[in-house]
Amino acid sequence: IEPRPAPKIVLMEVPDDIIIEQDVVYAVMDGHGLKLDIAYSKVDRGNLPAIINIHGGGWLMGDKNPNEAIIETEHGFVGISIQYRKSNVAKFPAAVHDCKTAVRWARANAEKYRIDPHRIAVIGGSAGGHLAAILGVSNGNGYLEGDGPYQEFSSDVQTAVDQFGPTDFARMNDVPGNMDHNLPSGPESQFLGKPV
């Protein structure tokens, strides 16, 4: 599978009471600047829970989406949408390390963005759902923690929402009309760095 450029995202109309900051570099991992978009309320409503959106795309395509962050903020959260290193750049567990670094970044910047550091959730669809699920079940797992910045902050999440993310790579070919995921060129094998 060859990576395709992410489609250009058209920024939705930003409500007057929301601030959106785009392309904030939250970490540099192996020379790759990882960016996020964060939306938060202009009005001080106290510290709010944060939702970190992890994009899908077979761990190879896709990108952060400021609109996801805005929508989450419209519903009373601090919305964050993140990038992670894709499988053509770094293999498992690099993407997990990046997502955990983003959680730590949110805690490190909790005061600035009025985030409740005790209420951080992750959500993602497809490959992003898979990464969200890993974050949800790996609190305290040193192997998956990585060596990114903000190590003095926890990467634990209080909620993880997996929207149709794969959980059993060996069964991906059971999906009708699906590509041959179990080939060495399949997205799961590329993510792992070896055939499923």
C-alpha atoms as a PDB file:
ATOM      1  CA  ILE A   1       0.000   0.000   0.000  1.00  0.00           C
ATOM      2  CA  GLU A   2       1.364   3.367  -0.992  1.00  0.00           C
ATOM      3  CA  PRO A   3       0.585   6.379   1.185  1.00  0.00           C
ATOM      4  CA  ARG A   4      -1.661   8.956  -0.419  1.00  0.00           C
ATOM      5  CA  PRO A   5      -1.610  12.624   0.505  1.00  0.00           C
ATOM      6  CA  ALA A   6      -4.333  13.461   2.998  1.00  0.00           C
ATOM      7  CA  PRO A   7      -7.216  15.341   1.413  1.00  0.00           C
ATOM      8  CA  LYS A   8      -7.242  19.049   2.126  1.00  0.00           C
ATOM      9  CA  ILE A   9      -9.526  19.665   5.077  1.00  0.00           C
ATOM     10  CA  VAL A  10     -11.730  22.714   4.815  1.00  0.00           C
ATOM     11  CA  LEU A  11     -12.066  24.375   8.197  1.00  0.00           C
ATOM     12  CA  MET A  12     -15.671  24.641   9.298  1.00  0.00           C
ATOM     13  CA  GLU A  13     -17.023  27.949  10.547  1.00  0.00           C
ATOM     14  CA  VAL A  14     -15.581  28.413  14.018  1.00  0.00           C
ATOM     15  CA  PRO A  15     -18.187  29.502  16.571  1.00  0.00           C
ATOM     16  CA  ASP A  16     -17.482  32.884  18.179  1.00  0.00           C
ATOM     17  CA  ASP A  17     -16.962  31.336  21.629  1.00  0.00           C
ATOM     18  CA  ILE A  18     -14.295  28.811  20.492  1.00  0.00           C
ATOM     19  CA  ILE A  19     -10.576  29.246  19.896  1.00  0.00           C
ATOM     20  CA  ILE A  20      -8.847  26.846  17.486  1.00  0.00           C
ATOM     21  CA  GLU A  21      -5.066  26.524  17.394  1.00  0.00           C
ATOM     22  CA  GLN A  22      -3.805  24.491  14.449  1.00  0.00           C
ATOM     23  CA  ASP A  23      -0.482  22.791  13.760  1.00  0.00           C
ATOM     24  CA  VAL A  24       0.797  22.931  17.330  1.00  0.00           C
ATOM     25  CA  VAL A  25       3.947  20.766  17.492  1.00  0.00           C
ATOM     26  CA  TYR A  26       3.458  18.476  20.479  1.00  0.00           C
ATOM     27  CA  ALA A  27       6.625  16.394  19.977  1.00  0.00           C
ATOM     28  CA  VAL A  28       9.526  15.719  17.651  1.00  0.00           C
ATOM     29  CA  MET A  29      10.076  11.972  17.353  1.00  0.00           C
ATOM     30  CA  ASP A  30      13.026  10.671  15.334  1.00  0.00           C
ATOM     31  CA  GLY A  31      13.162  13.989  13.492  1.00  0.00           C
ATOM     32  CA  HIS A  32       9.423  14.041  12.691  1.00  0.00           C
ATOM     33  CA  GLY A  33       7.490  17.012  14.039  1.00  0.00           C
ATOM     34  CA  LEU A  34       4.111  15.742  15.231  1.00  0.00           C
ATOM     35  CA  LYS A  35       1.300  18.265  15.211  1.00  0.00           C
ATOM     36  CA  LEU A  36      -2.100  18.626  16.776  1.00  0.00           C
ATOM     37  CA  ASP A  37      -5.086  20.920  16.497  1.00  0.00           C
ATOM     38  CA  ILE A  38      -6.725  22.028  19.740  1.00  0.00           C
ATOM     39  CA  ALA A  39     -10.060  23.776  20.237  1.00  0.00           C
ATOM     40  CA  TYR A  40     -11.195  25.223  23.537  1.00  0.00           C
ATOM     41  CA  SER A  41     -13.748  27.648  24.890  1.00  0.00           C
ATOM     42  CA  LYS A  42     -13.011  31.384  25.046  1.00  0.00           C
ATOM     43  CA  VAL A  43     -15.200  31.483  28.145  1.00  0.00           C
ATOM     44  CA  ASP A  44     -13.659  30.129  31.345  1.00  0.00           C
ATOM     45  CA  ARG A  45     -15.987  27.271  32.320  1.00  0.00           C
ATOM     46  CA  GLY A  46     -13.437  25.750  34.650  1.00  0.00           C
ATOM     47  CA  ASN A  47     -11.301  22.764  33.751  1.00  0.00           C
ATOM     48  CA  LEU A  48     -13.072  20.587  31.195  1.00  0.00           C
ATOM     49  CA  PRO A  49     -12.512  16.990  30.099  1.00  0.00           C
ATOM     50  CA  ALA A  50     -10.399  16.622  26.953  1.00  0.00           C
ATOM     51  CA  ILE A  51     -11.110  14.322  24.031  1.00  0.00           C
ATOM     52  CA  ILE A  52      -8.131  13.384  21.852  1.00  0.00           C
ATOM     53  CA  ASN A  53      -9.168  12.283  18.370  1.00  0.00           C
ATOM     54  CA  ILE A  54      -6.856   9.751  16.661  1.00  0.00           C
ATOM     55  CA  HIS A  55      -7.356   9.566  12.896  1.00  0.00           C
ATOM     56  CA  GLY A  56      -7.748   6.372  10.883  1.00  0.00           C
ATOM     57  CA  GLY A  57      -6.257   5.483   7.515  1.00  0.00           C
ATOM     58  CA  GLY A  58      -4.671   2.056   7.894  1.00  0.00           C
ATOM     59  CA  TRP A  59      -1.821   3.535  10.011  1.00  0.00           C
ATOM     60  CA  LEU A  60      -0.507   4.912   6.692  1.00  0.00           C
ATOM     61  CA  MET A  61      -2.898   7.624   5.513  1.00  0.00           C
ATOM     62  CA  GLY A  62      -5.109  10.280   7.045  1.00  0.00           C
ATOM     63  CA  ASP A  63      -4.303  13.273   9.204  1.00  0.00           C
ATOM     64  CA  LYS A  64      -5.491  15.300  12.141  1.00  0.00           C
ATOM     65  CA  ASN A  65      -8.733  17.202  11.608  1.00  0.00           C
ATOM     66  CA  PRO A  66      -9.416  20.561  13.278  1.00  0.00           C
ATOM     67  CA  ASN A  67     -13.148  20.123  12.660  1.00  0.00           C
ATOM     68  CA  GLU A  68     -13.218  17.111  14.989  1.00  0.00           C
ATOM     69  CA  ALA A  69     -11.660  19.261  17.714  1.00  0.00           C
ATOM     70  CA  ILE A  70     -14.189  22.052  17.137  1.00  0.00           C
ATOM     71  CA  ILE A  71     -17.164  19.668  17.283  1.00  0.00           C
ATOM     72  CA  GLU A  72     -15.905  18.168  20.545  1.00  0.00           C
ATOM     73  CA  THR A  73     -15.546  21.684  21.995  1.00  0.00           C
ATOM     74  CA  GLU A  74     -19.078  22.593  20.909  1.00  0.00           C
ATOM     75  CA  HIS A  75     -20.215  19.708  23.136  1.00  0.00           C
ATOM     76  CA  GLY A  76     -18.422  20.929  26.267  1.00  0.00           C
ATOM     77  CA  PHE A  77     -14.969  19.377  25.956  1.00  0.00           C
ATOM     78  CA  VAL A  78     -11.498  20.546  25.039  1.00  0.00           C
ATOM     79  CA  GLY A  79     -11.083  18.988  21.588  1.00  0.00           C
ATOM     80  CA  ILE A  80      -7.716  17.772  20.324  1.00  0.00           C
ATOM     81  CA  SER A  81      -6.920  16.057  17.035  1.00  0.00           C
ATOM     82  CA  ILE A  82      -3.458  14.563  16.600  1.00  0.00           C
ATOM     83  CA  GLN A  83      -0.969  13.214  14.092  1.00  0.00           C
ATOM     84  CA  TYR A  84       1.177  10.151  14.717  1.00  0.00           C
ATOM     85  CA  ARG A  85       4.058   8.566  12.814  1.00  0.00           C
ATOM     86  CA  LYS A  86       2.684   6.433  10.019  1.00  0.00           C
ATOM     87  CA  SER A  87       3.793   2.911   9.172  1.00  0.00           C
ATOM     88  CA  ASN A  88       5.934   4.039   6.213  1.00  0.00           C
ATOM     89  CA  VAL A  89       8.010   6.084   8.693  1.00  0.00           C
ATOM     90  CA  ALA A  90       8.078   3.970  11.874  1.00  0.00           C
ATOM     91  CA  LYS A  91       6.739   0.559  12.862  1.00  0.00           C
ATOM     92  CA  PHE A  92       4.790  -0.587  15.921  1.00  0.00           C
ATOM     93  CA  PRO A  93       4.801   0.581  18.684  1.00  0.00           C
ATOM     94  CA  ALA A  94       5.811   4.057  17.407  1.00  0.00           C
ATOM     95  CA  ALA A  95       2.235   5.211  16.730  1.00  0.00           C
ATOM     96  CA  VAL A  96       1.209   4.105  20.232  1.00  0.00           C
ATOM     97  CA  HIS A  97       4.167   5.989  21.712  1.00  0.00           C
ATOM     98  CA  ASP A  98       3.076   9.114  19.816  1.00  0.00           C
ATOM     99  CA  CYS A  99      -0.518   8.881  21.028  1.00  0.00           C
ATOM    100  CA  LYS A 100       0.648   8.428  24.618  1.00  0.00           C
ATOM    101  CA  THR A 101       2.940  11.442  24.185  1.00  0.00           C
ATOM    102  CA  ALA A 102      -0.086  13.488  23.078  1.00  0.00           C
ATOM    103  CA  VAL A 103      -1.926  12.492  26.262  1.00  0.00           C
ATOM    104  CA  ARG A 104       1.074  13.567  28.345  1.00  0.00           C
ATOM    105  CA  TRP A 105       1.236  16.842  26.359  1.00  0.00           C
ATOM    106  CA  ALA A 106      -2.413  17.502  27.237  1.00  0.00           C
ATOM    107  CA  ARG A 107      -1.636  17.050  30.934  1.00  0.00           C
ATOM    108  CA  ALA A 108       1.504  19.193  30.678  1.00  0.00           C
ATOM    109  CA  ASN A 109      -0.598  21.969  29.116  1.00  0.00           C
ATOM    110  CA  ALA A 110      -3.720  21.450  31.218  1.00  0.00           C
ATOM    111  CA  GLU A 111      -3.539  24.836  32.925  1.00  0.00           C
ATOM    112  CA  LYS A 112      -3.059  26.780  29.680  1.00  0.00           C
ATOM    113  CA  TYR A 113      -6.023  25.128  27.931  1.00  0.00           C
ATOM    114  CA  ARG A 114      -8.173  24.594  31.071  1.00  0.00           C
ATOM    115  CA  ILE A 115      -8.096  20.797  30.740  1.00  0.00           C
ATOM    116  CA  ASP A 116      -9.119  18.597  33.649  1.00  0.00           C
ATOM    117  CA  PRO A 117      -6.009  16.355  33.821  1.00  0.00           C
ATOM    118  CA  HIS A 118      -8.054  13.633  35.558  1.00  0.00           C
ATOM    119  CA  ARG A 119     -10.522  13.336  32.658  1.00  0.00           C
ATOM    120  CA  ILE A 120      -8.819  12.645  29.345  1.00  0.00           C
ATOM    121  CA  ALA A 121     -10.406  10.431  26.703  1.00  0.00           C
ATOM    122  CA  VAL A 122      -9.240   9.115  23.347  1.00  0.00           C
ATOM    123  CA  ILE A 123     -11.452   8.300  20.385  1.00  0.00           C
ATOM    124  CA  GLY A 124     -10.682   7.039  16.912  1.00  0.00           C
ATOM    125  CA  GLY A 125     -12.105   5.213  13.935  1.00  0.00           C
ATOM    126  CA  SER A 126     -10.542   2.254  12.137  1.00  0.00           C
ATOM    127  CA  ALA A 127      -6.753   2.409  12.705  1.00  0.00           C
ATOM    128  CA  GLY A 128      -7.384   5.323  15.078  1.00  0.00           C
ATOM    129  CA  GLY A 129      -9.876   3.144  16.958  1.00  0.00           C
ATOM    130  CA  HIS A 130      -7.253   0.427  17.253  1.00  0.00           C
ATOM    131  CA  LEU A 131      -4.787   2.939  18.725  1.00  0.00           C
ATOM    132  CA  ALA A 132      -7.458   4.313  21.088  1.00  0.00           C
ATOM    133  CA  ALA A 133      -8.207   0.774  22.284  1.00  0.00           C
ATOM    134  CA  ILE A 134      -4.518   0.135  22.967  1.00  0.00           C
ATOM    135  CA  LEU A 135      -4.316   3.328  25.016  1.00  0.00           C
ATOM    136  CA  GLY A 136      -7.402   2.246  26.920  1.00  0.00           C
ATOM    137  CA  VAL A 137      -5.937  -1.087  28.023  1.00  0.00           C
ATOM    138  CA  SER A 138      -2.265  -0.244  28.442  1.00  0.00           C
ATOM    139  CA  ASN A 139      -2.122   2.164  31.376  1.00  0.00           C
ATOM    140  CA  GLY A 140       1.210   1.538  33.109  1.00  0.00           C
ATOM    141  CA  ASN A 141       2.678  -0.681  30.358  1.00  0.00           C
ATOM    142  CA  GLY A 142       6.313   0.443  30.046  1.00  0.00           C
ATOM    143  CA  TYR A 143       6.882  -1.144  26.623  1.00  0.00           C
ATOM    144  CA  LEU A 144       4.086   0.914  25.096  1.00  0.00           C
ATOM    145  CA  GLU A 145       4.980   4.117  26.943  1.00  0.00           C
ATOM    146  CA  GLY A 146       7.855   5.165  24.698  1.00  0.00           C
ATOM    147  CA  ASP A 147      10.527   7.734  25.445  1.00  0.00           C
ATOM    148  CA  GLY A 148       8.798  10.870  24.178  1.00  0.00           C
ATOM    149  CA  PRO A 149       8.714  14.136  26.112  1.00  0.00           C
ATOM    150  CA  TYR A 150       6.644  14.985  29.187  1.00  0.00           C
ATOM    151  CA  GLN A 151       7.585  11.757  30.963  1.00  0.00           C
ATOM    152  CA  GLU A 152       6.779  13.402  34.296  1.00  0.00           C
ATOM    153  CA  PHE A 153       3.092  13.274  33.294  1.00  0.00           C
ATOM    154  CA  SER A 154       0.877  10.196  33.050  1.00  0.00           C
ATOM    155  CA  SER A 155      -0.294   8.850  29.692  1.00  0.00           C
ATOM    156  CA  ASP A 156      -3.225   7.036  31.335  1.00  0.00           C
ATOM    157  CA  VAL A 157      -6.643   7.694  29.808  1.00  0.00           C
ATOM    158  CA  GLN A 158      -9.937   7.507  31.628  1.00  0.00           C
ATOM    159  CA  THR A 159     -12.016   6.616  28.571  1.00  0.00           C
ATOM    160  CA  ALA A 160     -11.241   5.035  25.206  1.00  0.00           C
ATOM    161  CA  VAL A 161     -13.708   4.812  22.326  1.00  0.00           C
ATOM    162  CA  ASP A 162     -12.840   2.377  19.525  1.00  0.00           C
ATOM    163  CA  GLN A 163     -15.015   3.096  16.502  1.00  0.00           C
ATOM    164  CA  PHE A 164     -14.722  -0.016  14.315  1.00  0.00           C
ATOM    165  CA  GLY A 165     -10.980  -0.432  14.903  1.00  0.00           C
ATOM    166  CA  PRO A 166      -9.476  -3.855  14.220  1.00  0.00           C
ATOM    167  CA  THR A 167      -8.766  -5.937  17.310  1.00  0.00           C
ATOM    168  CA  ASP A 168      -7.816  -9.287  15.737  1.00  0.00           C
ATOM    169  CA  PHE A 169      -5.499  -8.819  12.772  1.00  0.00           C
ATOM    170  CA  ALA A 170      -5.650 -12.513  11.875  1.00  0.00           C
ATOM    171  CA  ARG A 171      -9.391 -12.217  11.174  1.00  0.00           C
ATOM    172  CA  MET A 172      -9.303  -9.165   8.929  1.00  0.00           C
ATOM    173  CA  ASN A 173      -9.769 -11.299   5.805  1.00  0.00           C
ATOM    174  CA  ASP A 174     -13.138 -12.452   7.167  1.00  0.00           C
ATOM    175  CA  VAL A 175     -14.583  -9.050   6.264  1.00  0.00           C
ATOM    176  CA  PRO A 176     -16.550  -9.420   2.975  1.00  0.00           C
ATOM    177  CA  GLY A 177     -15.115  -7.410   0.107  1.00  0.00           C
ATOM    178  CA  ASN A 178     -12.035  -6.486   2.085  1.00  0.00           C
ATOM    179  CA  MET A 179      -8.552  -6.327   0.568  1.00  0.00           C
ATOM    180  CA  ASP A 180      -6.111  -9.078   1.466  1.00  0.00           C
ATOM    181  CA  HIS A 181      -5.021  -7.708   4.799  1.00  0.00           C
ATOM    182  CA  ASN A 182      -2.859 -10.723   5.646  1.00  0.00           C
ATOM    183  CA  LEU A 183      -0.390 -10.193   2.819  1.00  0.00           C
ATOM    184  CA  PRO A 184       2.997  -8.713   3.761  1.00  0.00           C
ATOM    185  CA  SER A 185       1.876  -5.614   1.843  1.00  0.00           C
ATOM    186  CA  GLY A 186      -1.346  -5.339   3.865  1.00  0.00           C
ATOM    187  CA  PRO A 187      -1.829  -2.422   6.264  1.00  0.00           C
ATOM    188  CA  GLU A 188      -1.590  -4.537   9.425  1.00  0.00           C
ATOM    189  CA  SER A 189       1.685  -6.137   8.320  1.00  0.00           C
ATOM    190  CA  GLN A 190       3.113  -2.740   7.383  1.00  0.00           C
ATOM    191  CA  PHE A 191       2.079  -1.376  10.774  1.00  0.00           C
ATOM    192  CA  LEU A 192       3.742  -4.280  12.590  1.00  0.00           C
ATOM    193  CA  GLY A 193       6.801  -4.342  10.332  1.00  0.00           C
ATOM    194  CA  LYS A 194       6.326  -8.074   9.610  1.00  0.00           C
ATOM    195  CA  PRO A 195       3.656 -10.331   8.132  1.00  0.00           C
ATOM    196  CA  VAL A 196       0.617 -10.914  10.322  1.00  0.00           C
END
